[in-house]
């Protein structure tokens, strides 16, 4: 290699190593501006009469030997306020599940085993989400995003927020925020433009050994009847077995299920 060419390549390599080795800093943006971006997104979701979204998620499962193992799921979520919700789930191990709320009852159907369970719950989507998480202990990742109270809840739980950067590597240009609460830290990427929506979120459970994470990518957002077409009723398949809906007892060491927990 000629000396001039070598020096040129060395300069490029040095610049690359220098730029990647230095700790990145958050952008100089006012905390209130970052909170405004987060709250604008929350207001869009809280005020929507209906929406659907596809969520591809993964989460760390701490093993007894201390190693983190990643599992994942693909969810299609439909919310039709005030009292309709449907979540279709495909787990990374092949299991398929369905959750339906019709304003009067909650039905959980395991399609793989062809068993289902139901419980009476009259109320709104907000009521159903709270009942699922707090009473039944059924995992509903990112459940806070489904509730119309999300702006007020964020106002209460956010202890620190920073604007990280204007991210150009996603399918759409996003505002990347870093948020701290008492129980979790989370990063969220929110699309820029007239309808700010979550594009990606990473939640770190800082009070659990190994700081396990939950990660989710959002796509195919829809606010039209075509995207939110249910069905929001449940008819048991032929030969399906009805079983009791049991309240889960999760060990203390597991990642919490509320507001975007493990499974």
C-alpha atoms as a PDB file:
ATOM      1  CA  UNK A   1       0.000   0.000   0.000  1.00  0.00           C
ATOM      2  CA  UNK A   2       1.341   3.451  -0.906  1.00  0.00           C
ATOM      3  CA  UNK A   3       2.176   5.716   2.030  1.00  0.00           C
ATOM      4  CA  UNK A   4      -0.372   8.386   1.054  1.00  0.00           C
ATOM      5  CA  UNK A   5      -3.113   5.801   0.681  1.00  0.00           C
ATOM      6  CA  UNK A   6      -2.120   4.156   3.964  1.00  0.00           C
ATOM      7  CA  UNK A   7      -2.238   7.472   5.819  1.00  0.00           C
ATOM      8  CA  UNK A   8      -5.636   8.246   4.316  1.00  0.00           C
ATOM      9  CA  UNK A   9      -7.048   4.872   5.403  1.00  0.00           C
ATOM     10  CA  UNK A  10      -5.433   5.252   8.822  1.00  0.00           C
ATOM     11  CA  UNK A  11      -7.054   8.661   9.193  1.00  0.00           C
ATOM     12  CA  UNK A  12     -10.491   7.296   8.304  1.00  0.00           C
ATOM     13  CA  UNK A  13     -10.031   4.354  10.702  1.00  0.00           C
ATOM     14  CA  UNK A  14      -8.843   6.639  13.492  1.00  0.00           C
ATOM     15  CA  UNK A  15     -11.831   8.917  13.022  1.00  0.00           C
ATOM     16  CA  UNK A  16     -14.162   5.915  13.112  1.00  0.00           C
ATOM     17  CA  UNK A  17     -12.564   4.482  16.251  1.00  0.00           C
ATOM     18  CA  UNK A  18     -12.536   7.872  17.947  1.00  0.00           C
ATOM     19  CA  UNK A  19     -16.190   8.581  17.154  1.00  0.00           C
ATOM     20  CA  UNK A  20     -17.358   5.170  18.417  1.00  0.00           C
ATOM     21  CA  UNK A  21     -15.109   5.091  21.469  1.00  0.00           C
ATOM     22  CA  UNK A  22     -16.229   8.383  22.962  1.00  0.00           C
ATOM     23  CA  UNK A  23     -19.273   8.311  25.270  1.00  0.00           C
ATOM     24  CA  UNK A  24     -22.250   9.873  23.534  1.00  0.00           C
ATOM     25  CA  UNK A  25     -24.127  12.641  25.274  1.00  0.00           C
ATOM     26  CA  UNK A  26     -27.779  13.583  25.171  1.00  0.00           C
ATOM     27  CA  UNK A  27     -28.709  16.528  23.006  1.00  0.00           C
ATOM     28  CA  UNK A  28     -28.984  19.962  24.556  1.00  0.00           C
ATOM     29  CA  UNK A  29     -32.763  20.074  24.687  1.00  0.00           C
ATOM     30  CA  UNK A  30     -34.830  21.424  27.563  1.00  0.00           C
ATOM     31  CA  UNK A  31     -36.364  18.779  29.837  1.00  0.00           C
ATOM     32  CA  UNK A  32     -39.784  20.376  29.400  1.00  0.00           C
ATOM     33  CA  UNK A  33     -39.478  20.073  25.634  1.00  0.00           C
ATOM     34  CA  UNK A  34     -38.731  16.350  26.036  1.00  0.00           C
ATOM     35  CA  UNK A  35     -41.716  15.983  28.350  1.00  0.00           C
ATOM     36  CA  UNK A  36     -43.896  17.822  25.846  1.00  0.00           C
ATOM     37  CA  UNK A  37     -42.917  15.302  23.140  1.00  0.00           C
ATOM     38  CA  UNK A  38     -43.771  12.397  25.465  1.00  0.00           C
ATOM     39  CA  UNK A  39     -47.077  13.972  26.498  1.00  0.00           C
ATOM     40  CA  UNK A  40     -48.048  14.785  22.913  1.00  0.00           C
ATOM     41  CA  UNK A  41     -47.683  11.093  22.100  1.00  0.00           C
ATOM     42  CA  UNK A  42     -49.650  10.146  25.222  1.00  0.00           C
ATOM     43  CA  UNK A  43     -52.400  12.589  24.289  1.00  0.00           C
ATOM     44  CA  UNK A  44     -52.771  11.056  20.814  1.00  0.00           C
ATOM     45  CA  UNK A  45     -53.210   7.547  22.267  1.00  0.00           C
ATOM     46  CA  UNK A  46     -55.442   8.658  25.141  1.00  0.00           C
ATOM     47  CA  UNK A  47     -57.724  10.655  22.869  1.00  0.00           C
ATOM     48  CA  UNK A  48     -58.073   8.041  20.127  1.00  0.00           C
ATOM     49  CA  UNK A  49     -61.522   6.470  19.860  1.00  0.00           C
ATOM     50  CA  UNK A  50     -59.853   3.394  18.408  1.00  0.00           C
ATOM     51  CA  UNK A  51     -56.466   2.146  17.244  1.00  0.00           C
ATOM     52  CA  UNK A  52     -54.586  -0.983  16.269  1.00  0.00           C
ATOM     53  CA  UNK A  53     -50.862  -1.722  16.226  1.00  0.00           C
ATOM     54  CA  UNK A  54     -48.469  -4.616  15.721  1.00  0.00           C
ATOM     55  CA  UNK A  55     -45.866  -5.048  18.464  1.00  0.00           C
ATOM     56  CA  UNK A  56     -42.808  -7.258  18.063  1.00  0.00           C
ATOM     57  CA  UNK A  57     -41.265  -7.642  21.501  1.00  0.00           C
ATOM     58  CA  UNK A  58     -38.510  -9.488  23.327  1.00  0.00           C
ATOM     59  CA  UNK A  59     -37.593  -9.783  26.977  1.00  0.00           C
ATOM     60  CA  UNK A  60     -34.757 -11.068  29.151  1.00  0.00           C
ATOM     61  CA  UNK A  61     -35.518 -14.057  31.371  1.00  0.00           C
ATOM     62  CA  UNK A  62     -32.954 -14.429  34.196  1.00  0.00           C
ATOM     63  CA  UNK A  63     -31.832 -18.053  34.612  1.00  0.00           C
ATOM     64  CA  UNK A  64     -30.764 -19.760  37.837  1.00  0.00           C
ATOM     65  CA  UNK A  65     -27.112 -19.582  36.741  1.00  0.00           C
ATOM     66  CA  UNK A  66     -27.380 -15.828  36.241  1.00  0.00           C
ATOM     67  CA  UNK A  67     -27.482 -15.868  32.448  1.00  0.00           C
ATOM     68  CA  UNK A  68     -30.087 -13.827  30.590  1.00  0.00           C
ATOM     69  CA  UNK A  69     -32.046 -15.703  27.915  1.00  0.00           C
ATOM     70  CA  UNK A  70     -34.177 -13.807  25.409  1.00  0.00           C
ATOM     71  CA  UNK A  71     -37.731 -14.790  24.510  1.00  0.00           C
ATOM     72  CA  UNK A  72     -40.122 -12.942  22.248  1.00  0.00           C
ATOM     73  CA  UNK A  73     -43.648 -12.461  20.980  1.00  0.00           C
ATOM     74  CA  UNK A  74     -45.619 -10.845  18.181  1.00  0.00           C
ATOM     75  CA  UNK A  75     -48.843  -9.095  19.175  1.00  0.00           C
ATOM     76  CA  UNK A  76     -51.617  -7.499  17.198  1.00  0.00           C
ATOM     77  CA  UNK A  77     -53.456  -5.127  19.518  1.00  0.00           C
ATOM     78  CA  UNK A  78     -56.846  -3.547  18.840  1.00  0.00           C
ATOM     79  CA  UNK A  79     -58.521  -1.040  21.152  1.00  0.00           C
ATOM     80  CA  UNK A  80     -62.003   0.346  20.489  1.00  0.00           C
ATOM     81  CA  UNK A  81     -63.151   2.677  23.230  1.00  0.00           C
ATOM     82  CA  UNK A  82     -64.938   2.738  25.454  1.00  0.00           C
ATOM     83  CA  UNK A  83     -65.210  -1.005  26.058  1.00  0.00           C
ATOM     84  CA  UNK A  84     -63.619  -3.232  23.391  1.00  0.00           C
ATOM     85  CA  UNK A  85     -60.135  -4.736  23.227  1.00  0.00           C
ATOM     86  CA  UNK A  86     -58.499  -7.661  21.427  1.00  0.00           C
ATOM     87  CA  UNK A  87     -54.919  -8.945  21.629  1.00  0.00           C
ATOM     88  CA  UNK A  88     -53.677 -11.752  19.335  1.00  0.00           C
ATOM     89  CA  UNK A  89     -50.366 -13.224  20.508  1.00  0.00           C
ATOM     90  CA  UNK A  90     -47.782 -15.445  18.788  1.00  0.00           C
ATOM     91  CA  UNK A  91     -45.044 -16.533  21.188  1.00  0.00           C
ATOM     92  CA  UNK A  92     -41.491 -17.324  20.079  1.00  0.00           C
ATOM     93  CA  UNK A  93     -41.995 -20.988  21.085  1.00  0.00           C
ATOM     94  CA  UNK A  94     -44.979 -21.284  18.714  1.00  0.00           C
ATOM     95  CA  UNK A  95     -47.787 -20.907  21.242  1.00  0.00           C
ATOM     96  CA  UNK A  96     -50.752 -18.796  20.130  1.00  0.00           C
ATOM     97  CA  UNK A  97     -53.077 -16.990  22.514  1.00  0.00           C
ATOM     98  CA  UNK A  98     -56.000 -14.591  22.317  1.00  0.00           C
ATOM     99  CA  UNK A  99     -57.383 -12.079  24.793  1.00  0.00           C
ATOM    100  CA  UNK A 100     -60.789 -10.481  24.186  1.00  0.00           C
ATOM    101  CA  UNK A 101     -62.680  -7.904  26.250  1.00  0.00           C
ATOM    102  CA  UNK A 102     -66.226  -7.115  25.118  1.00  0.00           C
ATOM    103  CA  UNK A 103     -67.298  -4.705  27.847  1.00  0.00           C
ATOM    104  CA  UNK A 104     -68.859  -7.454  29.948  1.00  0.00           C
ATOM    105  CA  UNK A 105     -66.266 -10.179  30.287  1.00  0.00           C
ATOM    106  CA  UNK A 106     -62.610 -11.004  29.683  1.00  0.00           C
ATOM    107  CA  UNK A 107     -61.814 -14.159  27.718  1.00  0.00           C
ATOM    108  CA  UNK A 108     -58.385 -15.746  27.415  1.00  0.00           C
ATOM    109  CA  UNK A 109     -57.992 -18.483  24.784  1.00  0.00           C
ATOM    110  CA  UNK A 110     -54.929 -20.681  24.335  1.00  0.00           C
ATOM    111  CA  UNK A 111     -55.232 -21.702  20.699  1.00  0.00           C
ATOM    112  CA  UNK A 112     -52.352 -24.163  20.917  1.00  0.00           C
ATOM    113  CA  UNK A 113     -54.003 -26.236  23.643  1.00  0.00           C
ATOM    114  CA  UNK A 114     -57.561 -25.262  22.607  1.00  0.00           C
ATOM    115  CA  UNK A 115     -58.573 -24.228  26.113  1.00  0.00           C
ATOM    116  CA  UNK A 116     -60.201 -20.985  27.220  1.00  0.00           C
ATOM    117  CA  UNK A 117     -61.200 -19.219  30.406  1.00  0.00           C
ATOM    118  CA  UNK A 118     -63.430 -16.243  31.120  1.00  0.00           C
ATOM    119  CA  UNK A 119     -64.283 -13.923  33.955  1.00  0.00           C
ATOM    120  CA  UNK A 120     -66.996 -11.309  34.318  1.00  0.00           C
ATOM    121  CA  UNK A 121     -65.773  -7.727  34.121  1.00  0.00           C
ATOM    122  CA  UNK A 122     -68.174  -4.924  33.247  1.00  0.00           C
ATOM    123  CA  UNK A 123     -66.580  -1.590  32.403  1.00  0.00           C
ATOM    124  CA  UNK A 124     -64.227   0.213  30.062  1.00  0.00           C
ATOM    125  CA  UNK A 125     -60.931  -0.768  28.472  1.00  0.00           C
ATOM    126  CA  UNK A 126     -59.209   1.121  31.305  1.00  0.00           C
ATOM    127  CA  UNK A 127     -61.069  -1.016  33.845  1.00  0.00           C
ATOM    128  CA  UNK A 128     -60.225  -4.235  32.002  1.00  0.00           C
ATOM    129  CA  UNK A 129     -56.506  -3.438  31.745  1.00  0.00           C
ATOM    130  CA  UNK A 130     -56.308  -2.589  35.438  1.00  0.00           C
ATOM    131  CA  UNK A 131     -58.186  -5.789  36.353  1.00  0.00           C
ATOM    132  CA  UNK A 132     -55.957  -7.955  34.142  1.00  0.00           C
ATOM    133  CA  UNK A 133     -52.744  -6.584  35.598  1.00  0.00           C
ATOM    134  CA  UNK A 134     -53.610  -5.910  39.240  1.00  0.00           C
ATOM    135  CA  UNK A 135     -56.144  -8.628  40.028  1.00  0.00           C
ATOM    136  CA  UNK A 136     -55.657 -11.500  37.577  1.00  0.00           C
ATOM    137  CA  UNK A 137     -51.874 -10.985  37.245  1.00  0.00           C
ATOM    138  CA  UNK A 138     -52.122 -11.701  33.511  1.00  0.00           C
ATOM    139  CA  UNK A 139     -49.156 -10.232  31.604  1.00  0.00           C
ATOM    140  CA  UNK A 140     -50.184  -7.338  29.390  1.00  0.00           C
ATOM    141  CA  UNK A 141     -46.982  -5.711  28.181  1.00  0.00           C
ATOM    142  CA  UNK A 142     -47.199  -1.947  27.756  1.00  0.00           C
ATOM    143  CA  UNK A 143     -50.659  -1.969  29.344  1.00  0.00           C
ATOM    144  CA  UNK A 144     -50.229   1.654  30.373  1.00  0.00           C
ATOM    145  CA  UNK A 145     -50.330   2.680  26.702  1.00  0.00           C
ATOM    146  CA  UNK A 146     -53.857   1.269  26.341  1.00  0.00           C
ATOM    147  CA  UNK A 147     -55.367   3.440  29.054  1.00  0.00           C
ATOM    148  CA  UNK A 148     -56.913   6.840  28.486  1.00  0.00           C
ATOM    149  CA  UNK A 149     -55.251   8.015  31.713  1.00  0.00           C
ATOM    150  CA  UNK A 150     -51.709   7.728  30.337  1.00  0.00           C
ATOM    151  CA  UNK A 151     -50.981  11.504  30.243  1.00  0.00           C
ATOM    152  CA  UNK A 152     -51.812  11.934  33.942  1.00  0.00           C
ATOM    153  CA  UNK A 153     -49.950   8.751  34.862  1.00  0.00           C
ATOM    154  CA  UNK A 154     -46.794   9.860  33.066  1.00  0.00           C
ATOM    155  CA  UNK A 155     -46.978  13.225  34.815  1.00  0.00           C
ATOM    156  CA  UNK A 156     -46.948  11.389  38.149  1.00  0.00           C
ATOM    157  CA  UNK A 157     -44.298   8.710  37.551  1.00  0.00           C
ATOM    158  CA  UNK A 158     -41.643  10.487  35.461  1.00  0.00           C
ATOM    159  CA  UNK A 159     -38.787  11.596  37.710  1.00  0.00           C
ATOM    160  CA  UNK A 160     -36.243  12.527  35.044  1.00  0.00           C
ATOM    161  CA  UNK A 161     -36.377  12.880  31.265  1.00  0.00           C
ATOM    162  CA  UNK A 162     -33.731  13.702  28.657  1.00  0.00           C
ATOM    163  CA  UNK A 163     -33.812  14.278  24.927  1.00  0.00           C
ATOM    164  CA  UNK A 164     -31.181  11.923  23.508  1.00  0.00           C
ATOM    165  CA  UNK A 165     -31.183  12.713  19.792  1.00  0.00           C
ATOM    166  CA  UNK A 166     -33.093  13.065  16.555  1.00  0.00           C
ATOM    167  CA  UNK A 167     -32.820   9.494  15.282  1.00  0.00           C
ATOM    168  CA  UNK A 168     -32.513   8.965  11.538  1.00  0.00           C
ATOM    169  CA  UNK A 169     -32.010   5.178  11.501  1.00  0.00           C
ATOM    170  CA  UNK A 170     -35.624   4.104  11.989  1.00  0.00           C
ATOM    171  CA  UNK A 171     -38.174   3.837   9.163  1.00  0.00           C
ATOM    172  CA  UNK A 172     -39.388   7.311  10.138  1.00  0.00           C
ATOM    173  CA  UNK A 173     -37.502  10.129  11.821  1.00  0.00           C
ATOM    174  CA  UNK A 174     -37.965   9.860  15.578  1.00  0.00           C
ATOM    175  CA  UNK A 175     -37.280  11.767  18.788  1.00  0.00           C
ATOM    176  CA  UNK A 176     -35.287   9.506  21.110  1.00  0.00           C
ATOM    177  CA  UNK A 177     -36.040  10.129  24.795  1.00  0.00           C
ATOM    178  CA  UNK A 178     -34.536   8.633  27.961  1.00  0.00           C
ATOM    179  CA  UNK A 179     -36.900   8.513  30.943  1.00  0.00           C
ATOM    180  CA  UNK A 180     -36.390   7.507  34.565  1.00  0.00           C
ATOM    181  CA  UNK A 181     -39.072   6.448  37.059  1.00  0.00           C
ATOM    182  CA  UNK A 182     -38.841   4.936  40.532  1.00  0.00           C
ATOM    183  CA  UNK A 183     -39.105   1.328  39.345  1.00  0.00           C
ATOM    184  CA  UNK A 184     -37.873   1.350  35.749  1.00  0.00           C
ATOM    185  CA  UNK A 185     -35.835   3.315  33.272  1.00  0.00           C
ATOM    186  CA  UNK A 186     -37.093   3.404  29.720  1.00  0.00           C
ATOM    187  CA  UNK A 187     -36.059   4.757  26.350  1.00  0.00           C
ATOM    188  CA  UNK A 188     -38.701   5.590  23.797  1.00  0.00           C
ATOM    189  CA  UNK A 189     -38.490   6.568  20.129  1.00  0.00           C
ATOM    190  CA  UNK A 190     -41.443   8.730  19.016  1.00  0.00           C
ATOM    191  CA  UNK A 191     -42.165   9.542  15.388  1.00  0.00           C
ATOM    192  CA  UNK A 192     -41.933  13.161  14.334  1.00  0.00           C
ATOM    193  CA  UNK A 193     -44.740  14.808  12.415  1.00  0.00           C
ATOM    194  CA  UNK A 194     -48.421  15.506  12.829  1.00  0.00           C
ATOM    195  CA  UNK A 195     -49.208  12.301  14.756  1.00  0.00           C
ATOM    196  CA  UNK A 196     -46.387  11.423  17.190  1.00  0.00           C
ATOM    197  CA  UNK A 197     -46.522   7.684  17.931  1.00  0.00           C
ATOM    198  CA  UNK A 198     -44.220   5.236  19.724  1.00  0.00           C
ATOM    199  CA  UNK A 199     -41.966   3.405  17.280  1.00  0.00           C
ATOM    200  CA  UNK A 200     -39.700   1.618  19.751  1.00  0.00           C
ATOM    201  CA  UNK A 201     -39.381   1.259  23.519  1.00  0.00           C
ATOM    202  CA  UNK A 202     -36.757  -0.345  25.764  1.00  0.00           C
ATOM    203  CA  UNK A 203     -37.599  -0.832  29.443  1.00  0.00           C
ATOM    204  CA  UNK A 204     -34.880  -1.626  32.008  1.00  0.00           C
ATOM    205  CA  UNK A 205     -35.945  -3.157  35.342  1.00  0.00           C
ATOM    206  CA  UNK A 206     -33.238  -1.562  37.452  1.00  0.00           C
ATOM    207  CA  UNK A 207     -34.487  -3.046  40.743  1.00  0.00           C
ATOM    208  CA  UNK A 208     -34.037  -6.640  39.520  1.00  0.00           C
ATOM    209  CA  UNK A 209     -30.805  -8.616  39.435  1.00  0.00           C
ATOM    210  CA  UNK A 210     -28.978  -8.174  36.165  1.00  0.00           C
ATOM    211  CA  UNK A 211     -31.148  -5.223  35.050  1.00  0.00           C
ATOM    212  CA  UNK A 212     -33.294  -7.315  32.651  1.00  0.00           C
ATOM    213  CA  UNK A 213     -34.887  -5.513  29.727  1.00  0.00           C
ATOM    214  CA  UNK A 214     -38.116  -5.563  27.750  1.00  0.00           C
ATOM    215  CA  UNK A 215     -37.908  -4.328  24.162  1.00  0.00           C
ATOM    216  CA  UNK A 216     -40.707  -3.605  21.679  1.00  0.00           C
ATOM    217  CA  UNK A 217     -40.977  -2.302  18.126  1.00  0.00           C
ATOM    218  CA  UNK A 218     -44.307  -0.848  16.942  1.00  0.00           C
ATOM    219  CA  UNK A 219     -45.565  -0.970  13.357  1.00  0.00           C
ATOM    220  CA  UNK A 220     -48.741  -0.772  11.269  1.00  0.00           C
ATOM    221  CA  UNK A 221     -50.465   1.836  13.405  1.00  0.00           C
ATOM    222  CA  UNK A 222     -54.094   2.354  12.308  1.00  0.00           C
ATOM    223  CA  UNK A 223     -56.872   4.558  13.628  1.00  0.00           C
ATOM    224  CA  UNK A 224     -59.521   3.574  11.076  1.00  0.00           C
ATOM    225  CA  UNK A 225     -62.368   1.065  11.066  1.00  0.00           C
ATOM    226  CA  UNK A 226     -60.428  -0.987   8.547  1.00  0.00           C
ATOM    227  CA  UNK A 227     -57.581  -1.527  11.007  1.00  0.00           C
ATOM    228  CA  UNK A 228     -59.785  -1.936  14.062  1.00  0.00           C
ATOM    229  CA  UNK A 229     -62.231  -4.553  12.856  1.00  0.00           C
ATOM    230  CA  UNK A 230     -62.134  -7.045  15.742  1.00  0.00           C
ATOM    231  CA  UNK A 231     -63.923  -9.293  16.160  1.00  0.00           C
ATOM    232  CA  UNK A 232     -64.504  -8.259  19.765  1.00  0.00           C
ATOM    233  CA  UNK A 233     -66.675 -11.267  20.571  1.00  0.00           C
ATOM    234  CA  UNK A 234     -65.563 -14.818  21.296  1.00  0.00           C
ATOM    235  CA  UNK A 235     -67.153 -18.044  20.128  1.00  0.00           C
ATOM    236  CA  UNK A 236     -65.387 -21.149  21.482  1.00  0.00           C
ATOM    237  CA  UNK A 237     -63.960 -23.362  18.740  1.00  0.00           C
ATOM    238  CA  UNK A 238     -65.281 -26.885  18.365  1.00  0.00           C
ATOM    239  CA  UNK A 239     -63.953 -29.219  21.069  1.00  0.00           C
ATOM    240  CA  UNK A 240     -62.468 -26.299  23.045  1.00  0.00           C
ATOM    241  CA  UNK A 241     -62.312 -26.971  26.771  1.00  0.00           C
ATOM    242  CA  UNK A 242     -63.278 -24.302  29.284  1.00  0.00           C
ATOM    243  CA  UNK A 243     -60.997 -24.104  32.308  1.00  0.00           C
ATOM    244  CA  UNK A 244     -60.949 -21.876  35.420  1.00  0.00           C
ATOM    245  CA  UNK A 245     -59.156 -18.550  35.101  1.00  0.00           C
ATOM    246  CA  UNK A 246     -56.507 -18.817  37.805  1.00  0.00           C
ATOM    247  CA  UNK A 247     -54.723 -15.876  39.375  1.00  0.00           C
ATOM    248  CA  UNK A 248     -51.010 -16.208  38.792  1.00  0.00           C
ATOM    249  CA  UNK A 249     -48.555 -16.461  41.648  1.00  0.00           C
ATOM    250  CA  UNK A 250     -45.277 -15.148  40.277  1.00  0.00           C
ATOM    251  CA  UNK A 251     -42.019 -15.525  42.237  1.00  0.00           C
ATOM    252  CA  UNK A 252     -40.436 -12.379  43.622  1.00  0.00           C
ATOM    253  CA  UNK A 253     -37.424 -12.790  41.342  1.00  0.00           C
ATOM    254  CA  UNK A 254     -39.426 -12.641  38.127  1.00  0.00           C
ATOM    255  CA  UNK A 255     -39.825  -9.520  36.028  1.00  0.00           C
ATOM    256  CA  UNK A 256     -43.051  -7.718  36.970  1.00  0.00           C
ATOM    257  CA  UNK A 257     -45.909  -8.043  34.502  1.00  0.00           C
ATOM    258  CA  UNK A 258     -47.451  -4.636  34.991  1.00  0.00           C
ATOM    259  CA  UNK A 259     -46.843  -1.840  32.519  1.00  0.00           C
ATOM    260  CA  UNK A 260     -44.685  -3.773  30.129  1.00  0.00           C
ATOM    261  CA  UNK A 261     -43.293  -6.711  32.007  1.00  0.00           C
ATOM    262  CA  UNK A 262     -42.090  -9.982  30.745  1.00  0.00           C
ATOM    263  CA  UNK A 263     -44.518 -12.068  28.809  1.00  0.00           C
END
